[in-house]
Amino acid sequence: MTRKIDTAKLKAAAVHLEWVCQQYPNEDRVQSLLEGMRSWIEDAKAGRIQTPIADRFALPFRWAISSEGLYRDFIEPDVEGAYVDFGIELEGGLSEQEQRILADMEARRAAVLKGNPT
């Protein structure tokens, strides 16, 4: 199934990423991320992105997020999480298989927290 951009979800993810980054005004790494993503964020907020990106590593800062862990210290609010959510929406959202995997993982996590691991 071909993925499609949900412009409302993409806009919400863009607004959230921008807001999260703005919560760290004195952190050069975070401000660099915000400025590097500015055109993507603005295009998403304006509804100009209509086609999912084909190569997830074409997105700026992807290596810094996935491999380098440069933003792991910024968790309240979560810079890495906001970036990943925005990236997912730029790819056209999660596939049905990815949604099932996440639901299964969440169910297992909930079971462990209740003391009933399966």
N, C-alpha and C. Protein backbone atom coordinates (compact mmCIF):
# COMPACT_ATOMS: atom_id res chain seq x y z
N MET A 1 0.84 -1.18 0.00
CA MET A 1 0.00 0.00 0.00
C MET A 1 0.89 1.25 0.00
N THR A 2 0.59 2.18 -0.85
CA THR A 2 1.34 3.42 -0.94
C THR A 2 0.95 4.33 0.21
N ARG A 3 1.94 4.88 0.86
CA ARG A 3 1.67 5.79 1.97
C ARG A 3 1.35 7.17 1.42
N LYS A 4 0.53 7.88 2.18
CA LYS A 4 0.15 9.24 1.81
C LYS A 4 0.37 10.15 3.00
N ILE A 5 0.65 11.39 2.71
CA ILE A 5 0.82 12.40 3.74
C ILE A 5 -0.54 12.76 4.32
N ASP A 6 -0.66 12.70 5.62
CA ASP A 6 -1.82 13.24 6.32
C ASP A 6 -1.39 14.64 6.75
N THR A 7 -1.85 15.65 6.00
CA THR A 7 -1.35 17.00 6.22
C THR A 7 -1.65 17.52 7.63
N ALA A 8 -2.76 17.10 8.22
CA ALA A 8 -3.08 17.55 9.58
C ALA A 8 -2.10 16.95 10.60
N LYS A 9 -1.80 15.67 10.46
CA LYS A 9 -0.84 15.03 11.37
C LYS A 9 0.56 15.58 11.16
N LEU A 10 0.92 15.81 9.90
CA LEU A 10 2.24 16.35 9.61
C LEU A 10 2.38 17.76 10.19
N LYS A 11 1.36 18.57 10.02
CA LYS A 11 1.39 19.92 10.58
C LYS A 11 1.52 19.87 12.10
N ALA A 12 0.74 19.01 12.74
CA ALA A 12 0.80 18.89 14.20
C ALA A 12 2.19 18.45 14.66
N ALA A 13 2.78 17.52 13.94
CA ALA A 13 4.13 17.05 14.29
C ALA A 13 5.16 18.16 14.09
N ALA A 14 4.98 18.97 13.05
CA ALA A 14 5.90 20.08 12.79
C ALA A 14 5.79 21.14 13.88
N VAL A 15 4.57 21.48 14.24
CA VAL A 15 4.34 22.46 15.30
C VAL A 15 4.94 21.96 16.61
N HIS A 16 4.74 20.68 16.88
CA HIS A 16 5.27 20.11 18.12
C HIS A 16 6.80 20.12 18.13
N LEU A 17 7.42 19.71 17.04
CA LEU A 17 8.89 19.73 16.97
C LEU A 17 9.41 21.15 17.17
N GLU A 18 8.79 22.10 16.53
CA GLU A 18 9.21 23.49 16.68
C GLU A 18 9.08 23.93 18.14
N TRP A 19 7.95 23.63 18.75
CA TRP A 19 7.71 24.01 20.15
C TRP A 19 8.74 23.37 21.08
N VAL A 20 8.98 22.07 20.89
CA VAL A 20 9.95 21.37 21.74
C VAL A 20 11.32 22.03 21.63
N CYS A 21 11.76 22.29 20.42
CA CYS A 21 13.07 22.92 20.24
C CYS A 21 13.12 24.31 20.87
N GLN A 22 12.03 25.02 20.84
CA GLN A 22 11.99 26.35 21.43
C GLN A 22 12.09 26.32 22.96
N GLN A 23 11.90 25.16 23.54
CA GLN A 23 12.01 25.04 24.99
C GLN A 23 13.46 24.99 25.46
N TYR A 24 14.39 24.93 24.52
CA TYR A 24 15.82 24.89 24.83
C TYR A 24 16.53 26.06 24.12
N PRO A 25 16.18 27.30 24.46
CA PRO A 25 16.72 28.45 23.73
C PRO A 25 18.22 28.64 23.88
N ASN A 26 18.82 28.11 24.91
CA ASN A 26 20.25 28.30 25.15
C ASN A 26 21.09 27.07 24.81
N GLU A 27 20.49 26.10 24.16
CA GLU A 27 21.20 24.88 23.78
C GLU A 27 21.52 24.93 22.29
N ASP A 28 22.79 25.14 21.99
CA ASP A 28 23.20 25.29 20.59
C ASP A 28 22.83 24.09 19.73
N ARG A 29 22.98 22.87 20.27
CA ARG A 29 22.65 21.67 19.48
C ARG A 29 21.19 21.68 19.06
N VAL A 30 20.32 22.02 20.01
CA VAL A 30 18.89 22.00 19.73
C VAL A 30 18.52 23.14 18.78
N GLN A 31 19.09 24.30 18.98
CA GLN A 31 18.80 25.43 18.10
C GLN A 31 19.32 25.17 16.69
N SER A 32 20.42 24.47 16.58
CA SER A 32 20.95 24.09 15.27
C SER A 32 19.99 23.13 14.57
N LEU A 33 19.44 22.19 15.32
CA LEU A 33 18.44 21.28 14.77
C LEU A 33 17.23 22.06 14.27
N LEU A 34 16.75 22.97 15.09
CA LEU A 34 15.58 23.77 14.72
C LEU A 34 15.85 24.56 13.44
N GLU A 35 16.98 25.20 13.37
CA GLU A 35 17.29 25.99 12.18
C GLU A 35 17.50 25.11 10.96
N GLY A 36 18.11 23.96 11.14
CA GLY A 36 18.31 23.03 10.03
C GLY A 36 17.02 22.43 9.51
N MET A 37 16.02 22.35 10.38
CA MET A 37 14.73 21.77 10.01
C MET A 37 13.70 22.85 9.65
N ARG A 38 14.08 24.10 9.78
CA ARG A 38 13.15 25.22 9.61
C ARG A 38 12.35 25.13 8.32
N SER A 39 12.99 24.89 7.18
CA SER A 39 12.25 24.86 5.90
C SER A 39 11.27 23.68 5.87
N TRP A 40 11.68 22.54 6.41
CA TRP A 40 10.78 21.38 6.47
C TRP A 40 9.57 21.70 7.35
N ILE A 41 9.83 22.31 8.51
CA ILE A 41 8.76 22.65 9.45
C ILE A 41 7.80 23.65 8.81
N GLU A 42 8.35 24.69 8.21
CA GLU A 42 7.49 25.72 7.58
C GLU A 42 6.68 25.14 6.43
N ASP A 43 7.29 24.30 5.60
CA ASP A 43 6.56 23.67 4.50
C ASP A 43 5.45 22.77 5.02
N ALA A 44 5.72 22.04 6.09
CA ALA A 44 4.70 21.15 6.68
C ALA A 44 3.56 21.97 7.27
N LYS A 45 3.88 23.03 7.97
CA LYS A 45 2.84 23.87 8.58
C LYS A 45 1.97 24.53 7.51
N ALA A 46 2.56 24.86 6.37
CA ALA A 46 1.82 25.52 5.29
C ALA A 46 1.10 24.53 4.37
N GLY A 47 1.27 23.24 4.61
CA GLY A 47 0.61 22.24 3.78
C GLY A 47 1.26 22.04 2.42
N ARG A 48 2.52 22.43 2.29
CA ARG A 48 3.20 22.32 1.00
C ARG A 48 3.81 20.94 0.75
N ILE A 49 3.85 20.10 1.75
CA ILE A 49 4.41 18.75 1.56
C ILE A 49 3.25 17.80 1.29
N GLN A 50 3.23 17.27 0.10
CA GLN A 50 2.13 16.41 -0.33
C GLN A 50 2.56 14.97 -0.59
N THR A 51 3.86 14.76 -0.76
CA THR A 51 4.38 13.44 -1.09
C THR A 51 5.34 12.98 0.00
N PRO A 52 5.18 11.75 0.47
CA PRO A 52 6.11 11.25 1.50
C PRO A 52 7.54 11.20 0.99
N ILE A 53 8.48 11.42 1.89
CA ILE A 53 9.88 11.29 1.50
C ILE A 53 10.17 9.80 1.29
N ALA A 54 10.96 9.51 0.29
CA ALA A 54 11.27 8.12 -0.05
C ALA A 54 12.46 7.59 0.73
N ASP A 55 13.40 8.47 1.04
CA ASP A 55 14.62 8.06 1.73
C ASP A 55 14.66 8.74 3.09
N ARG A 56 14.41 7.98 4.14
CA ARG A 56 14.37 8.57 5.48
C ARG A 56 15.68 9.22 5.89
N PHE A 57 16.79 8.80 5.28
CA PHE A 57 18.06 9.41 5.64
C PHE A 57 18.34 10.68 4.84
N ALA A 58 17.41 11.06 3.97
CA ALA A 58 17.52 12.35 3.28
C ALA A 58 17.13 13.49 4.21
N LEU A 59 16.43 13.18 5.27
CA LEU A 59 16.00 14.19 6.23
C LEU A 59 17.19 14.67 7.05
N PRO A 60 17.40 15.99 7.12
CA PRO A 60 18.54 16.51 7.89
C PRO A 60 18.53 16.02 9.34
N PHE A 61 19.69 15.78 9.86
CA PHE A 61 19.92 15.40 11.26
C PHE A 61 19.54 13.94 11.57
N ARG A 62 19.13 13.18 10.57
CA ARG A 62 18.70 11.80 10.83
C ARG A 62 19.82 11.00 11.49
N TRP A 63 21.04 11.13 10.98
CA TRP A 63 22.15 10.39 11.58
C TRP A 63 22.42 10.86 13.00
N ALA A 64 22.31 12.14 13.24
CA ALA A 64 22.54 12.68 14.59
C ALA A 64 21.52 12.13 15.58
N ILE A 65 20.32 11.90 15.11
CA ILE A 65 19.26 11.36 15.97
C ILE A 65 19.43 9.86 16.14
N SER A 66 19.54 9.13 15.02
CA SER A 66 19.51 7.67 15.09
C SER A 66 20.82 7.04 15.51
N SER A 67 21.94 7.62 15.13
CA SER A 67 23.23 6.99 15.40
C SER A 67 24.05 7.69 16.47
N GLU A 68 24.04 8.98 16.46
CA GLU A 68 24.91 9.74 17.33
C GLU A 68 24.32 9.99 18.72
N GLY A 69 23.01 10.03 18.82
CA GLY A 69 22.37 10.27 20.11
C GLY A 69 22.63 11.66 20.67
N LEU A 70 22.79 12.65 19.81
CA LEU A 70 23.13 14.00 20.26
C LEU A 70 22.03 14.69 21.05
N TYR A 71 20.82 14.18 20.98
CA TYR A 71 19.69 14.87 21.62
C TYR A 71 19.06 14.04 22.74
N ARG A 72 19.70 12.95 23.12
CA ARG A 72 19.13 12.07 24.14
C ARG A 72 19.00 12.72 25.51
N ASP A 73 19.81 13.73 25.77
CA ASP A 73 19.75 14.41 27.07
C ASP A 73 18.57 15.36 27.18
N PHE A 74 17.95 15.68 26.07
CA PHE A 74 16.86 16.66 26.06
C PHE A 74 15.53 15.92 26.05
N ILE A 75 15.07 15.54 27.24
CA ILE A 75 13.90 14.65 27.33
C ILE A 75 12.66 15.29 27.95
N GLU A 76 12.76 16.46 28.50
CA GLU A 76 11.59 17.11 29.10
C GLU A 76 11.49 18.53 28.61
N PRO A 77 10.94 18.77 27.45
CA PRO A 77 10.31 17.84 26.50
C PRO A 77 11.34 17.13 25.62
N ASP A 78 10.88 16.06 25.00
CA ASP A 78 11.71 15.11 24.28
C ASP A 78 11.99 15.54 22.83
N VAL A 79 13.20 16.07 22.60
CA VAL A 79 13.59 16.52 21.27
C VAL A 79 13.65 15.34 20.30
N GLU A 80 14.30 14.27 20.72
CA GLU A 80 14.45 13.11 19.85
C GLU A 80 13.09 12.54 19.45
N GLY A 81 12.20 12.42 20.41
CA GLY A 81 10.86 11.89 20.13
C GLY A 81 10.08 12.77 19.17
N ALA A 82 10.17 14.09 19.36
CA ALA A 82 9.45 15.01 18.48
C ALA A 82 10.00 14.94 17.06
N TYR A 83 11.32 14.81 16.94
CA TYR A 83 11.95 14.68 15.63
C TYR A 83 11.50 13.38 14.95
N VAL A 84 11.52 12.29 15.69
CA VAL A 84 11.12 10.99 15.13
C VAL A 84 9.65 11.03 14.69
N ASP A 85 8.78 11.61 15.51
CA ASP A 85 7.36 11.71 15.14
C ASP A 85 7.18 12.51 13.85
N PHE A 86 7.93 13.60 13.72
CA PHE A 86 7.86 14.42 12.51
C PHE A 86 8.36 13.61 11.31
N GLY A 87 9.46 12.90 11.50
CA GLY A 87 10.00 12.06 10.42
C GLY A 87 9.02 10.98 9.98
N ILE A 88 8.35 10.38 10.92
CA ILE A 88 7.35 9.34 10.60
C ILE A 88 6.25 9.94 9.73
N GLU A 89 5.78 11.11 10.10
CA GLU A 89 4.72 11.74 9.30
C GLU A 89 5.22 12.15 7.93
N LEU A 90 6.49 12.57 7.84
CA LEU A 90 7.06 12.90 6.53
C LEU A 90 7.16 11.67 5.62
N GLU A 91 7.24 10.50 6.23
CA GLU A 91 7.29 9.26 5.47
C GLU A 91 5.90 8.74 5.13
N GLY A 92 4.87 9.43 5.56
CA GLY A 92 3.50 9.00 5.29
C GLY A 92 2.88 8.23 6.43
N GLY A 93 3.44 8.35 7.61
CA GLY A 93 2.89 7.67 8.79
C GLY A 93 3.39 6.25 8.89
N LEU A 94 2.94 5.59 9.93
CA LEU A 94 3.32 4.20 10.15
C LEU A 94 2.51 3.27 9.25
N SER A 95 3.15 2.22 8.77
CA SER A 95 2.43 1.21 7.98
C SER A 95 1.54 0.41 8.94
N GLU A 96 0.63 -0.35 8.39
CA GLU A 96 -0.23 -1.20 9.23
C GLU A 96 0.60 -2.20 10.02
N GLN A 97 1.64 -2.74 9.40
CA GLN A 97 2.50 -3.68 10.09
C GLN A 97 3.23 -3.00 11.26
N GLU A 98 3.74 -1.81 11.02
CA GLU A 98 4.41 -1.07 12.09
C GLU A 98 3.45 -0.74 13.23
N GLN A 99 2.21 -0.41 12.89
CA GLN A 99 1.21 -0.13 13.92
C GLN A 99 0.92 -1.37 14.75
N ARG A 100 0.83 -2.53 14.09
CA ARG A 100 0.59 -3.79 14.83
C ARG A 100 1.76 -4.11 15.75
N ILE A 101 2.97 -3.92 15.26
CA ILE A 101 4.16 -4.19 16.07
C ILE A 101 4.18 -3.28 17.29
N LEU A 102 3.92 -2.00 17.10
CA LEU A 102 3.89 -1.07 18.23
C LEU A 102 2.79 -1.41 19.22
N ALA A 103 1.63 -1.80 18.73
CA ALA A 103 0.53 -2.18 19.62
C ALA A 103 0.91 -3.42 20.43
N ASP A 104 1.56 -4.37 19.80
CA ASP A 104 2.00 -5.58 20.49
C ASP A 104 3.04 -5.24 21.55
N MET A 105 3.98 -4.39 21.20
CA MET A 105 5.01 -3.99 22.16
C MET A 105 4.39 -3.25 23.35
N GLU A 106 3.43 -2.39 23.07
CA GLU A 106 2.77 -1.64 24.15
C GLU A 106 1.98 -2.59 25.06
N ALA A 107 1.31 -3.56 24.47
CA ALA A 107 0.56 -4.54 25.27
C ALA A 107 1.51 -5.34 26.16
N ARG A 108 2.65 -5.73 25.63
CA ARG A 108 3.63 -6.47 26.43
C ARG A 108 4.20 -5.60 27.55
N ARG A 109 4.47 -4.33 27.23
CA ARG A 109 4.99 -3.42 28.24
C ARG A 109 3.97 -3.22 29.37
N ALA A 110 2.71 -3.06 28.99
CA ALA A 110 1.66 -2.89 29.99
C ALA A 110 1.55 -4.13 30.88
N ALA A 111 1.68 -5.31 30.26
CA ALA A 111 1.61 -6.56 31.02
C ALA A 111 2.75 -6.65 32.01
N VAL A 112 3.94 -6.27 31.60
CA VAL A 112 5.10 -6.32 32.48
C VAL A 112 4.90 -5.35 33.64
N LEU A 113 4.39 -4.16 33.35
CA LEU A 113 4.15 -3.17 34.41
C LEU A 113 3.12 -3.65 35.42
N LYS A 114 2.18 -4.47 34.96
CA LYS A 114 1.16 -5.05 35.86
C LYS A 114 1.65 -6.28 36.58
N GLY A 115 2.87 -6.73 36.22
CA GLY A 115 3.41 -7.92 36.85
C GLY A 115 2.97 -9.22 36.19
N ASN A 116 2.46 -9.13 34.97
CA ASN A 116 1.99 -10.31 34.24
C ASN A 116 2.69 -10.45 32.92
N PRO A 117 4.02 -10.60 32.91
CA PRO A 117 4.70 -10.71 31.61
C PRO A 117 4.23 -11.94 30.84
N THR A 118 4.11 -11.77 29.52
CA THR A 118 3.66 -12.90 28.70
C THR A 118 4.77 -13.40 27.82
